[in-house]
């Protein structure tokens, strides 16, 4: 297999269709996901609502680079659904010389994390979130370039695998939606007739501040969104902590993120979570035993749905 290494500048060229902003016009905007997940539609934007002087108009088959997030996979190939839409000037666009490289092949190369890592090394700025990638830096990346017919074979194989993954993911998501629907119906039947009480009475907020010692280590946890339970983060070293505040988690705590609870980032701490710590972003509530005593009617109904009384305690039960 002929796999000469060439620079992206040998197969891509800067190709920007800059459009002057008309305050009276409305622009169909796009955005670029991180981690190689492609483009998405944003809400339309009126020209009078932006401080930008111009936008970049997209064309099918172009490569789009997020200068702010390219190093974490904010790169995409424009498909038909996004052709003619707009991005800000922070997103330069590039055309591919398909006499030498297939845009599908280039697109797959740009979706791989080693490519992002290389971009990270080329980025500049102060602090992780200020690192930017210029078009010149982007085009200085090296890419293995087999012959065109070999590129076609590679793209076909990767597309086939991607289609299978998408099909499997869709089936899993459908199964999860059905399971959630069943659980919700069972839960509603189980609590039918139970009195409603304020959360502050049932499970008030309890905080256990941790005094950080430089010589100590602190096993951390977090909460996944969409009801997917708690997970264990790498252990923190006290000597690496400066302004951060930590709080102790105990078994039976209801743990939730104060910035992501609205999308299901909460769970009940299990025995394997006991003694770990969470940042100030993770709040803990402790049920009051006296308040939690169920009526005989409610207790009998709860026994019919035992899974609901245990809850999602950790990753093994999600």
Protein backbone atom coordinates (compact mmCIF):
# COMPACT_ATOMS: atom_id res chain seq x y z
CA UNK A 1 0.00 0.00 0.00
CA UNK A 2 1.39 3.37 -1.06
CA UNK A 3 0.98 5.58 2.02
CA UNK A 4 3.15 8.63 1.50
CA UNK A 5 2.84 11.26 4.22
CA UNK A 6 1.80 14.64 2.88
CA UNK A 7 0.76 17.90 4.49
CA UNK A 8 -2.90 18.85 4.59
CA UNK A 9 -1.84 21.93 2.62
CA UNK A 10 -1.04 19.57 -0.29
CA UNK A 11 -4.68 18.45 -0.51
CA UNK A 12 -6.68 21.24 1.19
CA UNK A 13 -6.79 24.95 0.49
CA UNK A 14 -8.46 27.77 2.37
CA UNK A 15 -11.85 28.37 0.72
CA UNK A 16 -13.93 31.00 2.53
CA UNK A 17 -17.18 32.45 1.23
CA UNK A 18 -17.42 35.51 3.49
CA UNK A 19 -20.80 37.24 3.46
CA UNK A 20 -21.29 40.78 4.72
CA UNK A 21 -23.97 40.92 7.42
CA UNK A 22 -27.25 42.51 6.42
CA UNK A 23 -29.01 43.76 9.59
CA UNK A 24 -32.40 43.15 7.93
CA UNK A 25 -31.61 39.52 6.96
CA UNK A 26 -32.04 36.30 8.97
CA UNK A 27 -29.26 33.72 8.81
CA UNK A 28 -29.63 29.95 9.16
CA UNK A 29 -26.76 29.12 11.52
CA UNK A 30 -24.83 25.90 12.10
CA UNK A 31 -22.45 24.80 14.82
CA UNK A 32 -19.64 22.25 15.13
CA UNK A 33 -19.73 19.57 17.79
CA UNK A 34 -16.54 18.51 19.56
CA UNK A 35 -15.00 15.04 19.43
CA UNK A 36 -15.60 14.47 15.73
CA UNK A 37 -19.40 14.44 15.99
CA UNK A 38 -20.03 16.71 13.02
CA UNK A 39 -22.25 19.74 12.46
CA UNK A 40 -25.58 20.70 13.98
CA UNK A 41 -28.30 23.27 13.30
CA UNK A 42 -28.46 26.34 15.51
CA UNK A 43 -31.37 28.75 15.86
CA UNK A 44 -31.70 31.33 13.06
CA UNK A 45 -29.99 34.62 13.83
CA UNK A 46 -31.00 38.09 12.69
CA UNK A 47 -28.24 40.26 11.31
CA UNK A 48 -29.21 42.98 13.77
CA UNK A 49 -28.56 40.58 16.68
CA UNK A 50 -24.85 39.99 16.08
CA UNK A 51 -21.71 42.10 16.40
CA UNK A 52 -19.96 40.15 13.62
CA UNK A 53 -19.37 42.07 10.40
CA UNK A 54 -19.54 38.93 8.25
CA UNK A 55 -20.35 35.22 8.35
CA UNK A 56 -18.84 32.28 6.47
CA UNK A 57 -21.29 30.50 4.15
CA UNK A 58 -20.87 26.73 3.95
CA UNK A 59 -20.67 24.59 0.83
CA UNK A 60 -21.09 20.82 0.59
CA UNK A 61 -17.80 18.93 0.73
CA UNK A 62 -15.87 21.63 2.58
CA UNK A 63 -13.87 20.98 5.75
CA UNK A 64 -14.83 23.26 8.67
CA UNK A 65 -12.39 23.96 11.49
CA UNK A 66 -13.30 25.44 14.87
CA UNK A 67 -10.29 27.57 15.70
CA UNK A 68 -11.23 27.41 19.39
CA UNK A 69 -12.15 23.72 19.66
CA UNK A 70 -10.40 21.99 16.77
CA UNK A 71 -7.91 20.47 19.18
CA UNK A 72 -10.76 18.54 20.82
CA UNK A 73 -12.35 17.34 17.60
CA UNK A 74 -14.26 20.46 16.54
CA UNK A 75 -13.74 19.67 12.86
CA UNK A 76 -16.31 18.47 10.32
CA UNK A 77 -17.08 17.89 6.66
CA UNK A 78 -20.08 19.86 5.37
CA UNK A 79 -22.91 17.63 4.19
CA UNK A 80 -25.94 18.56 2.09
CA UNK A 81 -28.04 19.35 5.17
CA UNK A 82 -25.66 22.19 6.13
CA UNK A 83 -24.78 23.55 2.69
CA UNK A 84 -25.79 27.21 2.43
CA UNK A 85 -25.94 27.71 6.18
CA UNK A 86 -23.60 30.02 8.10
CA UNK A 87 -20.90 29.99 10.74
CA UNK A 88 -18.99 32.82 12.37
CA UNK A 89 -15.53 33.90 11.26
CA UNK A 90 -14.07 31.65 13.98
CA UNK A 91 -14.73 28.76 11.58
CA UNK A 92 -12.49 28.82 8.49
CA UNK A 93 -13.46 26.49 5.64
CA UNK A 94 -11.30 24.48 3.26
CA UNK A 95 -11.79 22.86 -0.15
CA UNK A 96 -10.33 19.45 -0.99
CA UNK A 97 -8.37 18.60 -4.12
CA UNK A 98 -10.18 15.36 -4.96
CA UNK A 99 -7.70 14.56 -7.72
CA UNK A 100 -5.45 13.50 -4.86
CA UNK A 101 -7.67 12.86 -1.87
CA UNK A 102 -11.29 11.87 -1.29
CA UNK A 103 -13.13 14.19 1.05
CA UNK A 104 -14.56 11.11 2.78
CA UNK A 105 -11.05 9.87 3.49
CA UNK A 106 -9.94 13.27 4.80
CA UNK A 107 -13.07 13.43 6.93
CA UNK A 108 -12.31 10.11 8.62
CA UNK A 109 -8.72 11.19 9.27
CA UNK A 110 -9.98 14.34 10.99
CA UNK A 111 -12.33 12.32 13.23
CA UNK A 112 -9.52 10.36 14.90
CA UNK A 113 -8.28 11.52 18.31
CA UNK A 114 -4.53 11.29 17.46
CA UNK A 115 -5.18 14.03 14.89
CA UNK A 116 -6.72 16.24 17.59
CA UNK A 117 -3.76 15.57 19.88
CA UNK A 118 -1.41 16.76 17.16
CA UNK A 119 -3.52 19.90 16.76
CA UNK A 120 -3.39 20.45 20.51
CA UNK A 121 0.40 20.58 20.31
CA UNK A 122 0.15 23.14 17.52
CA UNK A 123 -2.38 25.37 19.28
CA UNK A 124 -1.42 28.61 20.93
CA UNK A 125 -2.83 30.86 23.62
CA UNK A 126 -3.13 31.07 27.39
CA UNK A 127 -5.06 28.35 29.16
CA UNK A 128 -6.77 25.26 27.77
CA UNK A 129 -9.90 27.13 26.71
CA UNK A 130 -8.01 29.91 24.97
CA UNK A 131 -5.90 27.69 22.74
CA UNK A 132 -6.60 28.52 19.11
CA UNK A 133 -5.61 26.94 15.82
CA UNK A 134 -4.78 29.08 12.82
CA UNK A 135 -5.50 27.81 9.29
CA UNK A 136 -1.75 27.61 8.66
CA UNK A 137 -1.23 25.43 11.73
CA UNK A 138 -4.11 23.21 10.69
CA UNK A 139 -2.75 22.80 7.17
CA UNK A 140 0.67 21.86 8.55
CA UNK A 141 -0.71 18.53 9.82
CA UNK A 142 0.64 15.41 8.12
CA UNK A 143 -1.76 12.86 6.67
CA UNK A 144 -1.02 9.39 5.25
CA UNK A 145 -2.17 9.42 1.63
CA UNK A 146 -2.65 6.06 -0.14
CA UNK A 147 -3.76 5.84 -3.76
CA UNK A 148 -7.31 6.93 -4.57
CA UNK A 149 -8.65 3.41 -5.07
CA UNK A 150 -7.22 2.41 -1.68
CA UNK A 151 -8.80 5.48 -0.12
CA UNK A 152 -12.17 4.38 -1.53
CA UNK A 153 -11.78 0.96 0.06
CA UNK A 154 -10.85 2.48 3.44
CA UNK A 155 -13.80 4.89 3.35
CA UNK A 156 -16.22 2.09 2.40
CA UNK A 157 -15.06 -0.13 5.26
CA UNK A 158 -15.25 2.68 7.80
CA UNK A 159 -18.67 3.80 6.53
CA UNK A 160 -19.95 0.22 6.85
CA UNK A 161 -18.71 -0.07 10.42
CA UNK A 162 -20.13 3.36 11.27
CA UNK A 163 -23.54 2.33 9.91
CA UNK A 164 -23.53 -0.78 12.10
CA UNK A 165 -22.56 1.28 15.15
CA UNK A 166 -25.32 3.80 14.42
CA UNK A 167 -27.86 0.99 14.04
CA UNK A 168 -26.79 -0.55 17.32
CA UNK A 169 -26.86 2.81 19.09
CA UNK A 170 -30.35 3.49 17.78
CA UNK A 171 -31.55 0.12 19.06
CA UNK A 172 -30.05 0.80 22.49
CA UNK A 173 -31.64 4.25 22.66
CA UNK A 174 -35.03 2.80 21.70
CA UNK A 175 -34.67 0.12 24.38
CA UNK A 176 -33.71 2.73 26.98
CA UNK A 177 -36.71 4.90 26.11
CA UNK A 178 -39.04 1.92 26.44
CA UNK A 179 -37.48 0.95 29.77
CA UNK A 180 -37.81 4.50 31.09
CA UNK A 181 -41.45 4.59 30.03
CA UNK A 182 -42.15 1.31 31.83
CA UNK A 183 -40.37 2.50 34.96
CA UNK A 184 -42.27 5.77 34.97
CA UNK A 185 -45.61 4.01 34.68
CA UNK A 186 -44.66 1.59 37.45
CA UNK A 187 -43.46 4.43 39.65
CA UNK A 188 -46.65 6.40 39.16
CA UNK A 189 -48.70 3.35 40.12
CA UNK A 190 -46.50 2.75 43.16
CA UNK A 191 -46.88 6.29 44.52
CA UNK A 192 -50.56 6.66 43.73
CA UNK A 193 -52.19 8.10 46.85
CA UNK A 194 -48.91 8.93 48.60
CA UNK A 195 -48.84 12.44 50.13
CA UNK A 196 -46.66 15.11 48.52
CA UNK A 197 -44.07 16.72 50.81
CA UNK A 198 -41.43 19.39 50.16
CA UNK A 199 -37.98 17.99 49.40
CA UNK A 200 -36.57 20.04 52.27
CA UNK A 201 -38.68 17.96 54.66
CA UNK A 202 -38.15 14.56 53.03
CA UNK A 203 -34.41 14.78 52.28
CA UNK A 204 -32.82 18.07 53.37
CA UNK A 205 -29.47 19.26 52.12
CA UNK A 206 -26.51 17.95 54.13
CA UNK A 207 -22.95 19.16 53.47
CA UNK A 208 -19.81 17.56 54.91
CA UNK A 209 -16.84 19.84 54.12
CA UNK A 210 -13.47 18.16 53.83
CA UNK A 211 -10.37 19.83 55.22
CA UNK A 212 -7.83 19.33 52.45
CA UNK A 213 -4.36 18.22 53.54
CA UNK A 214 -1.50 18.49 51.01
CA UNK A 215 -0.15 15.03 51.88
CA UNK A 216 -3.51 13.27 51.54
CA UNK A 217 -5.33 11.85 48.52
CA UNK A 218 -9.05 12.17 47.82
CA UNK A 219 -11.03 9.71 45.64
CA UNK A 220 -13.55 11.76 43.67
CA UNK A 221 -16.88 10.95 42.07
CA UNK A 222 -19.29 12.58 39.64
CA UNK A 223 -22.84 12.10 38.36
CA UNK A 224 -23.67 11.22 34.77
CA UNK A 225 -26.55 12.96 33.05
CA UNK A 226 -29.82 11.31 32.00
CA UNK A 227 -30.11 9.17 35.11
CA UNK A 228 -27.03 7.07 34.31
CA UNK A 229 -25.76 7.00 37.87
CA UNK A 230 -22.54 7.95 39.63
CA UNK A 231 -19.03 7.29 38.34
CA UNK A 232 -15.59 7.35 39.93
CA UNK A 233 -13.13 10.02 38.88
CA UNK A 234 -9.34 9.79 39.29
CA UNK A 235 -8.04 10.34 42.81
CA UNK A 236 -7.13 13.93 43.65
CA UNK A 237 -3.90 14.82 45.43
CA UNK A 238 -4.22 17.39 48.17
CA UNK A 239 -1.06 19.12 47.01
CA UNK A 240 -2.68 19.76 43.60
CA UNK A 241 -5.72 21.51 45.06
CA UNK A 242 -5.78 25.26 45.56
CA UNK A 243 -9.18 26.96 45.68
CA UNK A 244 -11.30 23.82 45.20
CA UNK A 245 -13.69 22.82 47.97
CA UNK A 246 -14.47 19.15 48.55
CA UNK A 247 -17.39 17.49 50.32
CA UNK A 248 -17.68 13.94 51.66
CA UNK A 249 -20.23 11.53 50.17
CA UNK A 250 -21.81 8.75 52.22
CA UNK A 251 -23.84 5.70 51.30
CA UNK A 252 -27.52 6.52 50.89
CA UNK A 253 -26.96 10.16 49.95
CA UNK A 254 -28.96 11.57 47.08
CA UNK A 255 -26.21 13.21 45.02
CA UNK A 256 -26.92 15.73 42.28
CA UNK A 257 -25.06 18.24 40.16
CA UNK A 258 -26.19 21.81 40.67
CA UNK A 259 -25.51 22.58 37.00
CA UNK A 260 -26.75 19.38 35.32
CA UNK A 261 -29.55 18.10 37.56
CA UNK A 262 -32.04 19.46 35.03
CA UNK A 263 -30.85 16.77 32.61
CA UNK A 264 -30.87 13.93 35.10
CA UNK A 265 -27.44 14.22 36.75
CA UNK A 266 -28.43 12.73 40.11
CA UNK A 267 -28.21 9.31 41.77
CA UNK A 268 -28.15 7.52 45.13
CA UNK A 269 -24.67 6.79 46.54
CA UNK A 270 -23.95 3.11 47.11
CA UNK A 271 -21.52 1.31 49.39
CA UNK A 272 -18.71 1.61 46.84
CA UNK A 273 -19.22 5.39 46.78
CA UNK A 274 -19.05 5.78 50.57
CA UNK A 275 -16.21 8.04 51.68
CA UNK A 276 -15.47 9.50 48.27
CA UNK A 277 -15.59 13.26 47.68
CA UNK A 278 -17.39 15.57 45.32
CA UNK A 279 -16.64 19.12 44.30
CA UNK A 280 -18.79 22.03 45.45
CA UNK A 281 -20.88 21.41 42.35
CA UNK A 282 -22.22 18.16 43.82
CA UNK A 283 -24.87 18.57 46.51
CA UNK A 284 -26.03 15.82 48.86
CA UNK A 285 -29.43 15.27 50.45
CA UNK A 286 -30.14 12.77 53.23
CA UNK A 287 -33.61 11.21 53.70
CA UNK A 288 -35.26 11.77 57.08
CA UNK A 289 -36.21 8.34 58.43
CA UNK A 290 -39.35 9.48 60.23
CA UNK A 291 -40.72 11.24 57.17
CA UNK A 292 -39.88 8.33 54.89
CA UNK A 293 -42.07 5.84 56.73
CA UNK A 294 -44.60 4.67 54.19
CA UNK A 295 -48.26 4.06 54.79
CA UNK A 296 -49.33 0.43 54.70
CA UNK A 297 -51.09 0.97 51.38
CA UNK A 298 -48.04 2.59 49.79
CA UNK A 299 -45.67 -0.04 51.24
CA UNK A 300 -47.68 -2.85 49.69
CA UNK A 301 -47.64 -1.15 46.31
CA UNK A 302 -43.90 -0.55 46.54
CA UNK A 303 -43.32 -4.26 47.13
CA UNK A 304 -44.85 -4.89 43.72
CA UNK A 305 -42.00 -2.89 42.13
CA UNK A 306 -38.83 -3.76 44.09
CA UNK A 307 -36.53 -2.26 41.47
CA UNK A 308 -37.96 1.16 42.25
CA UNK A 309 -37.06 0.93 45.95
CA UNK A 310 -33.40 0.18 45.29
CA UNK A 311 -32.85 2.80 42.60
CA UNK A 312 -29.77 3.27 40.46
CA UNK A 313 -26.99 3.16 43.02
CA UNK A 314 -23.92 2.79 40.87
CA UNK A 315 -22.65 1.94 37.42
CA UNK A 316 -23.29 -1.77 37.95
CA UNK A 317 -27.02 -1.16 38.31
CA UNK A 318 -27.61 1.34 35.51
